[in-house]
């Protein structure tokens, strides 16, 4: 079921209206957003085009980097790492006199359990998203691994209780297996 209000579908509509893609590419992208595991033949059937045309169109969308990747989303709670944490990190130029903010971001992103690092504006310089199993390990990651990186200054840790996307809870609950 296509949710026309989803971010992904909104972006596809926008890039179609601005001429980045045509109606066929738009239809293909909507199909992939709804189910990226479906076969090229199923996408072709849904878009009323031939399988070779669907294949070539998908390939060109990848070459243009409109499609970055086909991926899975793990249910971290069922993987035993239920804590979603955001850590605000300041860049300390005195501590990191020989390192740039981009280099700090790259080093932070290599730490286990770090999902992504954004360089941001405001009182802090980085927003680090972490998915981790328990608080003691989080403390170790911050006090030992973050602090070992030159240029890492103050941190502020924010723990996510729940998450929403398009008005729907996306918080993953652990299955009782």
C-alpha atoms as a PDB file:
ATOM      1  CA  UNK A   1       0.000   0.000   0.000  1.00  0.00           C
ATOM      2  CA  UNK A   2       1.447   3.285  -1.083  1.00  0.00           C
ATOM      3  CA  UNK A   3       1.407   6.051   1.493  1.00  0.00           C
ATOM      4  CA  UNK A   4       1.353   9.217  -0.625  1.00  0.00           C
ATOM      5  CA  UNK A   5       2.423  11.237   2.399  1.00  0.00           C
ATOM      6  CA  UNK A   6       5.658   9.303   2.986  1.00  0.00           C
ATOM      7  CA  UNK A   7       8.876  11.268   2.601  1.00  0.00           C
ATOM      8  CA  UNK A   8      10.172   8.957  -0.097  1.00  0.00           C
ATOM      9  CA  UNK A   9       7.008   9.217  -2.203  1.00  0.00           C
ATOM     10  CA  UNK A  10       6.995  13.004  -1.709  1.00  0.00           C
ATOM     11  CA  UNK A  11      10.583  13.232  -2.992  1.00  0.00           C
ATOM     12  CA  UNK A  12       9.737  11.090  -6.041  1.00  0.00           C
ATOM     13  CA  UNK A  13       6.764  13.338  -6.811  1.00  0.00           C
ATOM     14  CA  UNK A  14       8.960  16.430  -6.450  1.00  0.00           C
ATOM     15  CA  UNK A  15      11.748  15.180  -8.730  1.00  0.00           C
ATOM     16  CA  UNK A  16       9.148  14.166 -11.298  1.00  0.00           C
ATOM     17  CA  UNK A  17       7.489  17.597 -11.216  1.00  0.00           C
ATOM     18  CA  UNK A  18      10.877  19.323 -11.562  1.00  0.00           C
ATOM     19  CA  UNK A  19      11.855  17.205 -14.567  1.00  0.00           C
ATOM     20  CA  UNK A  20      14.640  15.168 -12.959  1.00  0.00           C
ATOM     21  CA  UNK A  21      12.788  11.958 -13.872  1.00  0.00           C
ATOM     22  CA  UNK A  22       9.920  11.082 -16.205  1.00  0.00           C
ATOM     23  CA  UNK A  23       6.631   9.293 -15.455  1.00  0.00           C
ATOM     24  CA  UNK A  24       8.094   5.822 -16.058  1.00  0.00           C
ATOM     25  CA  UNK A  25      10.980   6.406 -13.640  1.00  0.00           C
ATOM     26  CA  UNK A  26       8.478   7.833 -11.184  1.00  0.00           C
ATOM     27  CA  UNK A  27       6.346   4.693 -11.365  1.00  0.00           C
ATOM     28  CA  UNK A  28       9.415   2.457 -10.983  1.00  0.00           C
ATOM     29  CA  UNK A  29      10.617   4.394  -7.925  1.00  0.00           C
ATOM     30  CA  UNK A  30       7.187   4.215  -6.296  1.00  0.00           C
ATOM     31  CA  UNK A  31       7.203   0.438  -6.816  1.00  0.00           C
ATOM     32  CA  UNK A  32      10.706   0.089  -5.341  1.00  0.00           C
ATOM     33  CA  UNK A  33       9.823   2.251  -2.335  1.00  0.00           C
ATOM     34  CA  UNK A  34       6.778   0.078  -1.668  1.00  0.00           C
ATOM     35  CA  UNK A  35       8.724  -3.184  -2.053  1.00  0.00           C
ATOM     36  CA  UNK A  36      12.370  -3.184  -3.101  1.00  0.00           C
ATOM     37  CA  UNK A  37      12.455  -7.002  -2.998  1.00  0.00           C
ATOM     38  CA  UNK A  38      10.030  -7.502  -5.858  1.00  0.00           C
ATOM     39  CA  UNK A  39      11.359  -8.842  -9.127  1.00  0.00           C
ATOM     40  CA  UNK A  40      12.139  -6.700 -12.129  1.00  0.00           C
ATOM     41  CA  UNK A  41       9.302  -8.527 -13.932  1.00  0.00           C
ATOM     42  CA  UNK A  42       6.834  -7.569 -11.186  1.00  0.00           C
ATOM     43  CA  UNK A  43       7.965  -3.927 -11.392  1.00  0.00           C
ATOM     44  CA  UNK A  44       7.641  -4.036 -15.199  1.00  0.00           C
ATOM     45  CA  UNK A  45       4.125  -5.476 -14.929  1.00  0.00           C
ATOM     46  CA  UNK A  46       3.044  -2.833 -12.396  1.00  0.00           C
ATOM     47  CA  UNK A  47       4.448  -0.044 -14.606  1.00  0.00           C
ATOM     48  CA  UNK A  48       3.138  -1.488 -17.899  1.00  0.00           C
ATOM     49  CA  UNK A  49       6.606  -1.717 -19.453  1.00  0.00           C
ATOM     50  CA  UNK A  50       8.803  -4.596 -20.600  1.00  0.00           C
ATOM     51  CA  UNK A  51      11.203  -6.338 -18.200  1.00  0.00           C
ATOM     52  CA  UNK A  52      14.301  -5.173 -20.179  1.00  0.00           C
ATOM     53  CA  UNK A  53      13.018  -1.579 -20.064  1.00  0.00           C
ATOM     54  CA  UNK A  54      12.461  -1.816 -16.293  1.00  0.00           C
ATOM     55  CA  UNK A  55      15.942  -3.307 -15.841  1.00  0.00           C
ATOM     56  CA  UNK A  56      17.614  -0.551 -17.886  1.00  0.00           C
ATOM     57  CA  UNK A  57      15.652   2.194 -16.136  1.00  0.00           C
ATOM     58  CA  UNK A  58      16.624   0.895 -12.693  1.00  0.00           C
ATOM     59  CA  UNK A  59      20.243   0.628 -13.793  1.00  0.00           C
ATOM     60  CA  UNK A  60      20.199   4.260 -15.033  1.00  0.00           C
ATOM     61  CA  UNK A  61      18.596   5.452 -11.797  1.00  0.00           C
ATOM     62  CA  UNK A  62      21.490   3.801  -9.960  1.00  0.00           C
ATOM     63  CA  UNK A  63      24.073   5.327 -12.311  1.00  0.00           C
ATOM     64  CA  UNK A  64      22.553   8.788 -11.728  1.00  0.00           C
ATOM     65  CA  UNK A  65      22.732   8.003  -7.996  1.00  0.00           C
ATOM     66  CA  UNK A  66      19.020   8.638  -7.546  1.00  0.00           C
ATOM     67  CA  UNK A  67      18.918   5.104  -6.152  1.00  0.00           C
ATOM     68  CA  UNK A  68      21.846   4.815  -3.746  1.00  0.00           C
ATOM     69  CA  UNK A  69      21.376   1.268  -2.535  1.00  0.00           C
ATOM     70  CA  UNK A  70      18.971  -1.556  -1.891  1.00  0.00           C
ATOM     71  CA  UNK A  71      19.150  -2.358   1.789  1.00  0.00           C
ATOM     72  CA  UNK A  72      17.479  -3.921   4.775  1.00  0.00           C
ATOM     73  CA  UNK A  73      16.431  -2.369   8.045  1.00  0.00           C
ATOM     74  CA  UNK A  74      17.402  -4.356  11.096  1.00  0.00           C
ATOM     75  CA  UNK A  75      15.140  -4.545  14.120  1.00  0.00           C
ATOM     76  CA  UNK A  76      17.863  -3.599  16.593  1.00  0.00           C
ATOM     77  CA  UNK A  77      15.762  -4.578  19.611  1.00  0.00           C
ATOM     78  CA  UNK A  78      15.556  -8.150  18.299  1.00  0.00           C
ATOM     79  CA  UNK A  79      19.316  -8.032  17.694  1.00  0.00           C
ATOM     80  CA  UNK A  80      19.855  -7.294  21.379  1.00  0.00           C
ATOM     81  CA  UNK A  81      20.745  -3.615  20.986  1.00  0.00           C
ATOM     82  CA  UNK A  82      17.568  -1.745  21.935  1.00  0.00           C
ATOM     83  CA  UNK A  83      18.931   1.672  23.011  1.00  0.00           C
ATOM     84  CA  UNK A  84      18.741   4.486  20.426  1.00  0.00           C
ATOM     85  CA  UNK A  85      20.922   7.376  21.552  1.00  0.00           C
ATOM     86  CA  UNK A  86      21.828  10.737  20.061  1.00  0.00           C
ATOM     87  CA  UNK A  87      25.034  12.342  21.280  1.00  0.00           C
ATOM     88  CA  UNK A  88      25.752  16.012  20.712  1.00  0.00           C
ATOM     89  CA  UNK A  89      29.494  16.597  20.474  1.00  0.00           C
ATOM     90  CA  UNK A  90      31.402  19.881  20.443  1.00  0.00           C
ATOM     91  CA  UNK A  91      34.613  20.380  18.500  1.00  0.00           C
ATOM     92  CA  UNK A  92      37.419  21.712  20.677  1.00  0.00           C
ATOM     93  CA  UNK A  93      39.984  23.427  18.442  1.00  0.00           C
ATOM     94  CA  UNK A  94      42.544  23.484  21.259  1.00  0.00           C
ATOM     95  CA  UNK A  95      42.332  19.713  21.747  1.00  0.00           C
ATOM     96  CA  UNK A  96      42.179  19.164  17.998  1.00  0.00           C
ATOM     97  CA  UNK A  97      44.653  21.732  16.741  1.00  0.00           C
ATOM     98  CA  UNK A  98      45.958  19.364  14.024  1.00  0.00           C
ATOM     99  CA  UNK A  99      42.630  17.853  12.948  1.00  0.00           C
ATOM    100  CA  UNK A 100      39.612  19.145  11.022  1.00  0.00           C
ATOM    101  CA  UNK A 101      35.950  18.713  11.898  1.00  0.00           C
ATOM    102  CA  UNK A 102      35.511  16.416   8.905  1.00  0.00           C
ATOM    103  CA  UNK A 103      38.329  14.207  10.142  1.00  0.00           C
ATOM    104  CA  UNK A 104      36.744  14.061  13.602  1.00  0.00           C
ATOM    105  CA  UNK A 105      33.396  13.121  12.025  1.00  0.00           C
ATOM    106  CA  UNK A 106      35.058  10.319  10.047  1.00  0.00           C
ATOM    107  CA  UNK A 107      36.776   8.975  13.178  1.00  0.00           C
ATOM    108  CA  UNK A 108      33.549   9.124  15.206  1.00  0.00           C
ATOM    109  CA  UNK A 109      31.711   7.248  12.453  1.00  0.00           C
ATOM    110  CA  UNK A 110      34.167   4.321  12.719  1.00  0.00           C
ATOM    111  CA  UNK A 111      33.374   3.649  16.384  1.00  0.00           C
ATOM    112  CA  UNK A 112      31.355   0.442  16.929  1.00  0.00           C
ATOM    113  CA  UNK A 113      27.601   1.035  17.439  1.00  0.00           C
ATOM    114  CA  UNK A 114      27.742   4.478  15.762  1.00  0.00           C
ATOM    115  CA  UNK A 115      25.186   4.529  12.946  1.00  0.00           C
ATOM    116  CA  UNK A 116      25.890   7.984  11.531  1.00  0.00           C
ATOM    117  CA  UNK A 117      27.543  11.288  12.276  1.00  0.00           C
ATOM    118  CA  UNK A 118      26.256  14.651  11.066  1.00  0.00           C
ATOM    119  CA  UNK A 119      28.191  17.908  11.175  1.00  0.00           C
ATOM    120  CA  UNK A 120      25.652  20.436  12.423  1.00  0.00           C
ATOM    121  CA  UNK A 121      25.285  24.113  13.296  1.00  0.00           C
ATOM    122  CA  UNK A 122      24.445  25.472  16.731  1.00  0.00           C
ATOM    123  CA  UNK A 123      25.934  25.040  20.181  1.00  0.00           C
ATOM    124  CA  UNK A 124      27.335  21.614  19.228  1.00  0.00           C
ATOM    125  CA  UNK A 125      29.224  20.600  16.102  1.00  0.00           C
ATOM    126  CA  UNK A 126      28.256  16.944  15.618  1.00  0.00           C
ATOM    127  CA  UNK A 127      25.129  14.855  16.042  1.00  0.00           C
ATOM    128  CA  UNK A 128      26.095  11.205  16.547  1.00  0.00           C
ATOM    129  CA  UNK A 129      23.425   8.517  16.274  1.00  0.00           C
ATOM    130  CA  UNK A 130      24.195   5.369  18.261  1.00  0.00           C
ATOM    131  CA  UNK A 131      22.346   2.068  18.626  1.00  0.00           C
ATOM    132  CA  UNK A 132      23.695   0.137  21.608  1.00  0.00           C
ATOM    133  CA  UNK A 133      22.853  -2.700  23.965  1.00  0.00           C
ATOM    134  CA  UNK A 134      23.190  -1.248  27.463  1.00  0.00           C
ATOM    135  CA  UNK A 135      24.096   1.893  29.380  1.00  0.00           C
ATOM    136  CA  UNK A 136      27.461   0.706  30.706  1.00  0.00           C
ATOM    137  CA  UNK A 137      28.709   0.080  27.157  1.00  0.00           C
ATOM    138  CA  UNK A 138      27.412   3.508  26.138  1.00  0.00           C
ATOM    139  CA  UNK A 139      29.384   5.065  28.990  1.00  0.00           C
ATOM    140  CA  UNK A 140      32.511   3.218  27.832  1.00  0.00           C
ATOM    141  CA  UNK A 141      32.020   4.317  24.229  1.00  0.00           C
ATOM    142  CA  UNK A 142      31.700   7.967  25.249  1.00  0.00           C
ATOM    143  CA  UNK A 143      34.348   8.119  27.956  1.00  0.00           C
ATOM    144  CA  UNK A 144      36.923   5.907  26.281  1.00  0.00           C
ATOM    145  CA  UNK A 145      36.417   5.933  22.518  1.00  0.00           C
ATOM    146  CA  UNK A 146      34.944   9.397  21.904  1.00  0.00           C
ATOM    147  CA  UNK A 147      37.381  11.081  24.278  1.00  0.00           C
ATOM    148  CA  UNK A 148      40.383   9.422  22.597  1.00  0.00           C
ATOM    149  CA  UNK A 149      39.673  11.392  19.411  1.00  0.00           C
ATOM    150  CA  UNK A 150      41.555  14.707  19.237  1.00  0.00           C
ATOM    151  CA  UNK A 151      39.150  17.607  18.959  1.00  0.00           C
ATOM    152  CA  UNK A 152      36.258  15.972  20.806  1.00  0.00           C
ATOM    153  CA  UNK A 153      35.100  18.406  23.462  1.00  0.00           C
ATOM    154  CA  UNK A 154      31.895  18.377  25.493  1.00  0.00           C
ATOM    155  CA  UNK A 155      29.144  15.845  24.888  1.00  0.00           C
ATOM    156  CA  UNK A 156      25.469  15.751  25.696  1.00  0.00           C
ATOM    157  CA  UNK A 157      23.668  12.404  25.496  1.00  0.00           C
ATOM    158  CA  UNK A 158      19.994  12.159  24.550  1.00  0.00           C
ATOM    159  CA  UNK A 159      18.175   8.828  24.870  1.00  0.00           C
ATOM    160  CA  UNK A 160      15.276   8.171  22.516  1.00  0.00           C
ATOM    161  CA  UNK A 161      12.172   6.708  24.167  1.00  0.00           C
ATOM    162  CA  UNK A 162      10.254   6.284  20.907  1.00  0.00           C
ATOM    163  CA  UNK A 163      10.355   7.313  17.251  1.00  0.00           C
ATOM    164  CA  UNK A 164       7.730   8.382  14.725  1.00  0.00           C
ATOM    165  CA  UNK A 165       7.708   8.736  10.947  1.00  0.00           C
ATOM    166  CA  UNK A 166       4.765  10.183   9.083  1.00  0.00           C
ATOM    167  CA  UNK A 167       2.633  10.000  12.249  1.00  0.00           C
ATOM    168  CA  UNK A 168       3.317   6.297  12.831  1.00  0.00           C
ATOM    169  CA  UNK A 169       5.447   4.862  15.612  1.00  0.00           C
ATOM    170  CA  UNK A 170       8.593   3.273  14.230  1.00  0.00           C
ATOM    171  CA  UNK A 171       9.952   2.234  17.615  1.00  0.00           C
ATOM    172  CA  UNK A 172      11.014  -1.394  17.334  1.00  0.00           C
ATOM    173  CA  UNK A 173       9.906  -3.631  20.135  1.00  0.00           C
ATOM    174  CA  UNK A 174      11.673  -6.842  21.016  1.00  0.00           C
ATOM    175  CA  UNK A 175       9.749  -9.998  20.197  1.00  0.00           C
ATOM    176  CA  UNK A 176       9.325 -12.437  23.036  1.00  0.00           C
ATOM    177  CA  UNK A 177      10.780 -15.532  21.401  1.00  0.00           C
END
